[in-house]
């Protein structure tokens, strides 16, 4: 497993030392704090407002989810978020929708069990696209890597109500599963599900390259401070 450290300011400004953008290049991405947007969990604030706050707090990756929005509204939000992330040098991933990813020139897509195969996404988006895959079991993780995934979203680590599926600890996989999957693959692993600044450290300690969150940033009073605290927690756990 490769550990991706927080990039220097040259990457956050949108270019690396050679002058090339890190966006769309999975080998240079830091998955440390990975925001998944969801307007319905944002305490009345717009997705661009949340993204702006997260960028100010030091977010590393933004995933545009927004499953509750109509197609045209999702496109409009996506275009605005693409402007924000590009200006900040932050990679933008689109959840599920390959068509939207192409329309807004996102850096990649994140796919689940019911989405198009990774091979189809690669054909449609090209070799430079960053492809993520959701998994919960080691067998699926190994298969996803073999199929061309650039990183894995693994969870739900803890109980979470954000996606309406894992709302009790009995069905959460825990940091222990993160460790097993991280040992089984060579691509970055991002823990997701119920993660907060208070419980993120064990996820990174177990081998995760980063933590993905929704409400830990979107639903709090101060998303800038929440993002910053998550970043500090991840960095401390990496040392």
C-alpha atoms as a PDB file:
ATOM      1  CA  UNK A   1       0.000   0.000   0.000  1.00  0.00           C
ATOM      2  CA  UNK A   2       1.266   3.468  -0.901  1.00  0.00           C
ATOM      3  CA  UNK A   3       0.811   6.341   1.524  1.00  0.00           C
ATOM      4  CA  UNK A   4       0.042   9.674  -0.103  1.00  0.00           C
ATOM      5  CA  UNK A   5       1.168  12.611   1.995  1.00  0.00           C
ATOM      6  CA  UNK A   6      -0.436  16.026   1.960  1.00  0.00           C
ATOM      7  CA  UNK A   7       0.939  17.891  -1.097  1.00  0.00           C
ATOM      8  CA  UNK A   8       3.152  20.956  -0.897  1.00  0.00           C
ATOM      9  CA  UNK A   9       1.668  24.401  -1.626  1.00  0.00           C
ATOM     10  CA  UNK A  10       2.742  24.109  -5.264  1.00  0.00           C
ATOM     11  CA  UNK A  11       0.196  21.323  -5.743  1.00  0.00           C
ATOM     12  CA  UNK A  12      -2.551  23.115  -3.868  1.00  0.00           C
ATOM     13  CA  UNK A  13      -2.094  26.059  -6.190  1.00  0.00           C
ATOM     14  CA  UNK A  14      -2.891  23.792  -9.121  1.00  0.00           C
ATOM     15  CA  UNK A  15       0.560  22.938 -10.440  1.00  0.00           C
ATOM     16  CA  UNK A  16       3.450  20.793  -9.389  1.00  0.00           C
ATOM     17  CA  UNK A  17       7.138  21.626  -9.706  1.00  0.00           C
ATOM     18  CA  UNK A  18       7.152  20.747 -13.388  1.00  0.00           C
ATOM     19  CA  UNK A  19       4.213  23.058 -14.044  1.00  0.00           C
ATOM     20  CA  UNK A  20       1.721  20.246 -14.614  1.00  0.00           C
ATOM     21  CA  UNK A  21      -1.618  20.045 -12.831  1.00  0.00           C
ATOM     22  CA  UNK A  22      -2.034  17.179 -10.321  1.00  0.00           C
ATOM     23  CA  UNK A  23      -5.722  16.914 -11.202  1.00  0.00           C
ATOM     24  CA  UNK A  24      -6.600  13.655 -12.898  1.00  0.00           C
ATOM     25  CA  UNK A  25      -3.302  12.060 -11.868  1.00  0.00           C
ATOM     26  CA  UNK A  26      -4.024   9.435  -9.222  1.00  0.00           C
ATOM     27  CA  UNK A  27      -0.329   8.924  -8.501  1.00  0.00           C
ATOM     28  CA  UNK A  28      -0.016  12.472  -7.169  1.00  0.00           C
ATOM     29  CA  UNK A  29      -3.326  12.696  -5.319  1.00  0.00           C
ATOM     30  CA  UNK A  30      -3.568  13.026  -1.585  1.00  0.00           C
ATOM     31  CA  UNK A  31      -6.770  11.372  -0.370  1.00  0.00           C
ATOM     32  CA  UNK A  32      -6.320  12.600   3.214  1.00  0.00           C
ATOM     33  CA  UNK A  33      -9.555  14.552   3.701  1.00  0.00           C
ATOM     34  CA  UNK A  34     -12.104  13.582   1.068  1.00  0.00           C
ATOM     35  CA  UNK A  35     -15.382  15.527   1.095  1.00  0.00           C
ATOM     36  CA  UNK A  36     -18.513  13.927  -0.348  1.00  0.00           C
ATOM     37  CA  UNK A  37     -21.116  16.615  -1.011  1.00  0.00           C
ATOM     38  CA  UNK A  38     -24.793  16.204  -0.252  1.00  0.00           C
ATOM     39  CA  UNK A  39     -26.986  19.327  -0.161  1.00  0.00           C
ATOM     40  CA  UNK A  40     -29.707  17.538   1.809  1.00  0.00           C
ATOM     41  CA  UNK A  41     -27.230  17.149   4.699  1.00  0.00           C
ATOM     42  CA  UNK A  42     -25.798  20.672   4.569  1.00  0.00           C
ATOM     43  CA  UNK A  43     -27.948  22.558   7.110  1.00  0.00           C
ATOM     44  CA  UNK A  44     -29.552  24.739   4.459  1.00  0.00           C
ATOM     45  CA  UNK A  45     -26.291  25.805   2.856  1.00  0.00           C
ATOM     46  CA  UNK A  46     -25.549  25.344  -0.826  1.00  0.00           C
ATOM     47  CA  UNK A  47     -23.025  22.845  -2.077  1.00  0.00           C
ATOM     48  CA  UNK A  48     -20.731  25.598  -3.426  1.00  0.00           C
ATOM     49  CA  UNK A  49     -20.790  27.216   0.031  1.00  0.00           C
ATOM     50  CA  UNK A  50     -19.740  23.947   1.657  1.00  0.00           C
ATOM     51  CA  UNK A  51     -17.050  23.324  -0.952  1.00  0.00           C
ATOM     52  CA  UNK A  52     -15.641  26.830  -0.481  1.00  0.00           C
ATOM     53  CA  UNK A  53     -15.454  26.284   3.273  1.00  0.00           C
ATOM     54  CA  UNK A  54     -13.836  22.870   2.860  1.00  0.00           C
ATOM     55  CA  UNK A  55     -11.237  24.304   0.491  1.00  0.00           C
ATOM     56  CA  UNK A  56     -10.462  27.015   3.027  1.00  0.00           C
ATOM     57  CA  UNK A  57     -10.022  24.291   5.645  1.00  0.00           C
ATOM     58  CA  UNK A  58      -7.603  22.263   3.523  1.00  0.00           C
ATOM     59  CA  UNK A  59      -9.727  19.547   1.904  1.00  0.00           C
ATOM     60  CA  UNK A  60      -7.778  17.247  -0.430  1.00  0.00           C
ATOM     61  CA  UNK A  61     -10.494  15.773  -2.678  1.00  0.00           C
ATOM     62  CA  UNK A  62     -14.110  16.713  -3.393  1.00  0.00           C
ATOM     63  CA  UNK A  63     -16.687  14.234  -4.638  1.00  0.00           C
ATOM     64  CA  UNK A  64     -19.884  15.644  -6.130  1.00  0.00           C
ATOM     65  CA  UNK A  65     -22.709  13.332  -5.036  1.00  0.00           C
ATOM     66  CA  UNK A  66     -26.001  15.289  -4.996  1.00  0.00           C
ATOM     67  CA  UNK A  67     -28.288  12.367  -5.790  1.00  0.00           C
ATOM     68  CA  UNK A  68     -31.340  14.385  -4.725  1.00  0.00           C
ATOM     69  CA  UNK A  69     -30.924  17.079  -7.394  1.00  0.00           C
ATOM     70  CA  UNK A  70     -32.557  17.067 -10.809  1.00  0.00           C
ATOM     71  CA  UNK A  71     -30.199  16.602 -13.743  1.00  0.00           C
ATOM     72  CA  UNK A  72     -30.043  20.256 -14.820  1.00  0.00           C
ATOM     73  CA  UNK A  73     -29.570  21.508 -11.270  1.00  0.00           C
ATOM     74  CA  UNK A  74     -26.858  18.913 -10.689  1.00  0.00           C
ATOM     75  CA  UNK A  75     -25.111  20.102 -13.846  1.00  0.00           C
ATOM     76  CA  UNK A  76     -25.253  23.742 -12.748  1.00  0.00           C
ATOM     77  CA  UNK A  77     -23.902  22.893  -9.306  1.00  0.00           C
ATOM     78  CA  UNK A  78     -21.255  20.683 -10.858  1.00  0.00           C
ATOM     79  CA  UNK A  79     -20.018  23.452 -13.132  1.00  0.00           C
ATOM     80  CA  UNK A  80     -19.708  25.857 -10.210  1.00  0.00           C
ATOM     81  CA  UNK A  81     -17.911  23.291  -8.048  1.00  0.00           C
ATOM     82  CA  UNK A  82     -15.586  22.478 -10.948  1.00  0.00           C
ATOM     83  CA  UNK A  83     -14.616  26.164 -11.105  1.00  0.00           C
ATOM     84  CA  UNK A  84     -13.943  26.208  -7.364  1.00  0.00           C
ATOM     85  CA  UNK A  85     -11.883  23.031  -7.246  1.00  0.00           C
ATOM     86  CA  UNK A  86      -9.884  23.870 -10.347  1.00  0.00           C
ATOM     87  CA  UNK A  87      -8.982  27.290  -8.963  1.00  0.00           C
ATOM     88  CA  UNK A  88      -7.799  25.635  -5.744  1.00  0.00           C
ATOM     89  CA  UNK A  89      -5.984  22.719  -7.380  1.00  0.00           C
ATOM     90  CA  UNK A  90      -8.296  20.225  -5.662  1.00  0.00           C
ATOM     91  CA  UNK A  91      -9.303  17.089  -7.609  1.00  0.00           C
ATOM     92  CA  UNK A  92     -13.038  16.725  -8.316  1.00  0.00           C
ATOM     93  CA  UNK A  93     -14.641  13.294  -8.528  1.00  0.00           C
ATOM     94  CA  UNK A  94     -18.252  12.714  -9.592  1.00  0.00           C
ATOM     95  CA  UNK A  95     -20.335  10.030  -7.920  1.00  0.00           C
ATOM     96  CA  UNK A  96     -21.763   7.479 -10.362  1.00  0.00           C
ATOM     97  CA  UNK A  97     -22.508   9.785 -13.295  1.00  0.00           C
ATOM     98  CA  UNK A  98     -19.971   9.381 -16.067  1.00  0.00           C
ATOM     99  CA  UNK A  99     -21.979  11.732 -18.290  1.00  0.00           C
ATOM    100  CA  UNK A 100     -21.805  14.489 -15.687  1.00  0.00           C
ATOM    101  CA  UNK A 101     -18.096  13.893 -15.165  1.00  0.00           C
ATOM    102  CA  UNK A 102     -17.517  14.421 -18.876  1.00  0.00           C
ATOM    103  CA  UNK A 103     -19.826  17.436 -19.044  1.00  0.00           C
ATOM    104  CA  UNK A 104     -17.999  19.346 -16.306  1.00  0.00           C
ATOM    105  CA  UNK A 105     -14.526  17.980 -17.080  1.00  0.00           C
ATOM    106  CA  UNK A 106     -14.174  16.347 -13.666  1.00  0.00           C
ATOM    107  CA  UNK A 107     -11.034  14.440 -12.767  1.00  0.00           C
ATOM    108  CA  UNK A 108     -12.833  11.124 -12.422  1.00  0.00           C
ATOM    109  CA  UNK A 109     -15.782   9.142 -11.124  1.00  0.00           C
ATOM    110  CA  UNK A 110     -16.560   7.022  -8.102  1.00  0.00           C
ATOM    111  CA  UNK A 111     -18.554   3.879  -8.849  1.00  0.00           C
ATOM    112  CA  UNK A 112     -20.592   1.485  -6.732  1.00  0.00           C
ATOM    113  CA  UNK A 113     -21.927  -2.030  -7.129  1.00  0.00           C
ATOM    114  CA  UNK A 114     -24.818  -1.018  -9.376  1.00  0.00           C
ATOM    115  CA  UNK A 115     -22.889   1.358 -11.627  1.00  0.00           C
ATOM    116  CA  UNK A 116     -21.138   0.756 -14.937  1.00  0.00           C
ATOM    117  CA  UNK A 117     -18.050  -1.482 -14.845  1.00  0.00           C
ATOM    118  CA  UNK A 118     -14.676   0.151 -14.328  1.00  0.00           C
ATOM    119  CA  UNK A 119     -13.590  -0.938 -17.796  1.00  0.00           C
ATOM    120  CA  UNK A 120     -16.477   0.951 -19.399  1.00  0.00           C
ATOM    121  CA  UNK A 121     -15.731   4.041 -17.330  1.00  0.00           C
ATOM    122  CA  UNK A 122     -12.096   3.859 -18.437  1.00  0.00           C
ATOM    123  CA  UNK A 123     -13.093   3.587 -22.089  1.00  0.00           C
ATOM    124  CA  UNK A 124     -15.419   6.581 -21.801  1.00  0.00           C
ATOM    125  CA  UNK A 125     -13.243   8.842 -19.655  1.00  0.00           C
ATOM    126  CA  UNK A 126      -9.770   7.897 -20.825  1.00  0.00           C
ATOM    127  CA  UNK A 127      -6.578   6.666 -19.235  1.00  0.00           C
ATOM    128  CA  UNK A 128      -6.003   9.827 -17.200  1.00  0.00           C
ATOM    129  CA  UNK A 129      -9.331   9.674 -15.357  1.00  0.00           C
ATOM    130  CA  UNK A 130      -9.270   8.797 -11.666  1.00  0.00           C
ATOM    131  CA  UNK A 131     -11.583   5.855 -11.003  1.00  0.00           C
ATOM    132  CA  UNK A 132     -12.771   4.975  -7.518  1.00  0.00           C
ATOM    133  CA  UNK A 133     -14.753   1.960  -6.415  1.00  0.00           C
ATOM    134  CA  UNK A 134     -16.843   1.324  -3.287  1.00  0.00           C
ATOM    135  CA  UNK A 135     -16.120  -1.969  -1.515  1.00  0.00           C
ATOM    136  CA  UNK A 136     -16.705  -3.585   1.852  1.00  0.00           C
ATOM    137  CA  UNK A 137     -14.992  -6.947   1.441  1.00  0.00           C
ATOM    138  CA  UNK A 138     -11.429  -7.924   0.620  1.00  0.00           C
ATOM    139  CA  UNK A 139     -12.463 -10.061  -2.357  1.00  0.00           C
ATOM    140  CA  UNK A 140     -14.220  -7.097  -3.953  1.00  0.00           C
ATOM    141  CA  UNK A 141     -11.233  -4.867  -3.226  1.00  0.00           C
ATOM    142  CA  UNK A 142      -8.809  -7.206  -4.970  1.00  0.00           C
ATOM    143  CA  UNK A 143     -11.180  -7.550  -7.927  1.00  0.00           C
ATOM    144  CA  UNK A 144     -11.620  -3.781  -8.199  1.00  0.00           C
ATOM    145  CA  UNK A 145      -7.874  -3.223  -8.281  1.00  0.00           C
ATOM    146  CA  UNK A 146      -7.507  -5.871 -10.980  1.00  0.00           C
ATOM    147  CA  UNK A 147     -10.291  -4.187 -12.969  1.00  0.00           C
ATOM    148  CA  UNK A 148      -8.456  -0.876 -12.984  1.00  0.00           C
ATOM    149  CA  UNK A 149      -9.606   1.087  -9.937  1.00  0.00           C
ATOM    150  CA  UNK A 150      -7.215   3.854  -8.898  1.00  0.00           C
ATOM    151  CA  UNK A 151      -8.444   3.930  -5.301  1.00  0.00           C
ATOM    152  CA  UNK A 152     -11.035   2.271  -3.076  1.00  0.00           C
ATOM    153  CA  UNK A 153     -13.725   3.742  -0.853  1.00  0.00           C
ATOM    154  CA  UNK A 154     -14.070   1.214   1.973  1.00  0.00           C
ATOM    155  CA  UNK A 155     -16.935   1.178   4.445  1.00  0.00           C
ATOM    156  CA  UNK A 156     -19.085   1.827   6.165  1.00  0.00           C
ATOM    157  CA  UNK A 157     -16.380   1.982   8.824  1.00  0.00           C
ATOM    158  CA  UNK A 158     -18.712   3.195  11.562  1.00  0.00           C
ATOM    159  CA  UNK A 159     -22.479   3.525  11.866  1.00  0.00           C
ATOM    160  CA  UNK A 160     -23.785   6.302   9.634  1.00  0.00           C
ATOM    161  CA  UNK A 161     -27.122   7.729   8.619  1.00  0.00           C
ATOM    162  CA  UNK A 162     -25.847   9.814   5.713  1.00  0.00           C
ATOM    163  CA  UNK A 163     -26.594   7.162   3.118  1.00  0.00           C
ATOM    164  CA  UNK A 164     -29.432   5.507   5.000  1.00  0.00           C
ATOM    165  CA  UNK A 165     -27.891   2.042   4.945  1.00  0.00           C
ATOM    166  CA  UNK A 166     -25.595   1.423   7.923  1.00  0.00           C
ATOM    167  CA  UNK A 167     -27.288   2.952  10.949  1.00  0.00           C
ATOM    168  CA  UNK A 168     -25.944   0.677  13.674  1.00  0.00           C
ATOM    169  CA  UNK A 169     -22.522  -0.536  14.755  1.00  0.00           C
ATOM    170  CA  UNK A 170     -23.442  -4.182  14.189  1.00  0.00           C
ATOM    171  CA  UNK A 171     -23.199  -3.764  10.406  1.00  0.00           C
ATOM    172  CA  UNK A 172     -20.225  -1.395  10.333  1.00  0.00           C
ATOM    173  CA  UNK A 173     -16.934  -2.958   9.233  1.00  0.00           C
ATOM    174  CA  UNK A 174     -14.671  -1.101  11.662  1.00  0.00           C
ATOM    175  CA  UNK A 175     -11.007  -0.147  11.226  1.00  0.00           C
ATOM    176  CA  UNK A 176     -10.120  -3.847  11.387  1.00  0.00           C
ATOM    177  CA  UNK A 177     -11.519  -4.428   7.891  1.00  0.00           C
ATOM    178  CA  UNK A 178      -9.652  -1.379   6.643  1.00  0.00           C
ATOM    179  CA  UNK A 179      -6.424  -3.052   7.768  1.00  0.00           C
ATOM    180  CA  UNK A 180      -7.235  -6.305   5.978  1.00  0.00           C
ATOM    181  CA  UNK A 181      -8.127  -4.573   2.717  1.00  0.00           C
ATOM    182  CA  UNK A 182      -5.170  -2.178   2.856  1.00  0.00           C
ATOM    183  CA  UNK A 183      -2.839  -5.157   3.201  1.00  0.00           C
ATOM    184  CA  UNK A 184      -4.474  -6.919   0.248  1.00  0.00           C
ATOM    185  CA  UNK A 185      -4.181  -4.140  -2.349  1.00  0.00           C
ATOM    186  CA  UNK A 186      -1.541  -1.723  -3.589  1.00  0.00           C
ATOM    187  CA  UNK A 187      -3.843   1.200  -4.452  1.00  0.00           C
ATOM    188  CA  UNK A 188      -4.973   3.888  -1.983  1.00  0.00           C
ATOM    189  CA  UNK A 189      -7.730   3.007   0.475  1.00  0.00           C
ATOM    190  CA  UNK A 190     -10.134   5.660   1.754  1.00  0.00           C
ATOM    191  CA  UNK A 191     -12.302   4.887   4.759  1.00  0.00           C
ATOM    192  CA  UNK A 192     -15.891   6.140   4.672  1.00  0.00           C
ATOM    193  CA  UNK A 193     -18.916   5.961   6.915  1.00  0.00           C
ATOM    194  CA  UNK A 194     -19.540   7.646  10.241  1.00  0.00           C
ATOM    195  CA  UNK A 195     -16.061   9.171  10.369  1.00  0.00           C
ATOM    196  CA  UNK A 196     -15.484  12.321  12.434  1.00  0.00           C
ATOM    197  CA  UNK A 197     -12.410  14.110  13.775  1.00  0.00           C
ATOM    198  CA  UNK A 198     -12.876  12.103  16.978  1.00  0.00           C
ATOM    199  CA  UNK A 199     -12.665   8.653  15.357  1.00  0.00           C
ATOM    200  CA  UNK A 200     -10.648   9.259  12.173  1.00  0.00           C
ATOM    201  CA  UNK A 201      -7.246   8.409  13.653  1.00  0.00           C
ATOM    202  CA  UNK A 202      -7.895   4.653  14.084  1.00  0.00           C
ATOM    203  CA  UNK A 203      -8.946   4.476  10.425  1.00  0.00           C
ATOM    204  CA  UNK A 204      -5.647   5.969   9.256  1.00  0.00           C
ATOM    205  CA  UNK A 205      -3.716   3.927  11.816  1.00  0.00           C
ATOM    206  CA  UNK A 206      -5.291   0.813  10.277  1.00  0.00           C
ATOM    207  CA  UNK A 207      -3.827   1.664   6.881  1.00  0.00           C
ATOM    208  CA  UNK A 208      -6.257   4.038   5.193  1.00  0.00           C
ATOM    209  CA  UNK A 209      -4.713   6.709   2.989  1.00  0.00           C
ATOM    210  CA  UNK A 210      -7.535   9.070   3.845  1.00  0.00           C
ATOM    211  CA  UNK A 211     -11.025   9.506   5.237  1.00  0.00           C
ATOM    212  CA  UNK A 212     -14.164  10.408   3.299  1.00  0.00           C
ATOM    213  CA  UNK A 213     -16.899  12.315   5.092  1.00  0.00           C
ATOM    214  CA  UNK A 214     -20.233  13.951   4.456  1.00  0.00           C
ATOM    215  CA  UNK A 215     -21.870  15.343   7.585  1.00  0.00           C
ATOM    216  CA  UNK A 216     -18.616  15.726   9.532  1.00  0.00           C
ATOM    217  CA  UNK A 217     -18.070  18.742   7.268  1.00  0.00           C
ATOM    218  CA  UNK A 218     -21.426  19.572   5.676  1.00  0.00           C
ATOM    219  CA  UNK A 219     -23.687  19.502   8.737  1.00  0.00           C
ATOM    220  CA  UNK A 220     -21.545  21.288  11.326  1.00  0.00           C
ATOM    221  CA  UNK A 221     -21.691  24.953  12.303  1.00  0.00           C
ATOM    222  CA  UNK A 222     -18.141  25.690  11.131  1.00  0.00           C
ATOM    223  CA  UNK A 223     -17.152  23.524   8.147  1.00  0.00           C
ATOM    224  CA  UNK A 224     -13.829  25.349   7.770  1.00  0.00           C
ATOM    225  CA  UNK A 225     -12.781  24.422  11.301  1.00  0.00           C
ATOM    226  CA  UNK A 226     -14.146  20.889  10.896  1.00  0.00           C
ATOM    227  CA  UNK A 227     -12.127  20.336   7.725  1.00  0.00           C
ATOM    228  CA  UNK A 228      -9.023  21.742   9.343  1.00  0.00           C
ATOM    229  CA  UNK A 229      -9.448  19.495  12.377  1.00  0.00           C
ATOM    230  CA  UNK A 230      -9.894  16.434  10.173  1.00  0.00           C
ATOM    231  CA  UNK A 231      -6.752  17.349   8.229  1.00  0.00           C
ATOM    232  CA  UNK A 232      -4.785  17.730  11.448  1.00  0.00           C
ATOM    233  CA  UNK A 233      -6.095  14.393  12.724  1.00  0.00           C
ATOM    234  CA  UNK A 234      -5.121  12.610   9.510  1.00  0.00           C
ATOM    235  CA  UNK A 235      -1.679  14.207   9.439  1.00  0.00           C
ATOM    236  CA  UNK A 236      -1.032  13.333  13.089  1.00  0.00           C
ATOM    237  CA  UNK A 237      -2.076   9.716  12.502  1.00  0.00           C
ATOM    238  CA  UNK A 238       0.297   9.450   9.549  1.00  0.00           C
ATOM    239  CA  UNK A 239       3.330  10.403  11.622  1.00  0.00           C
END
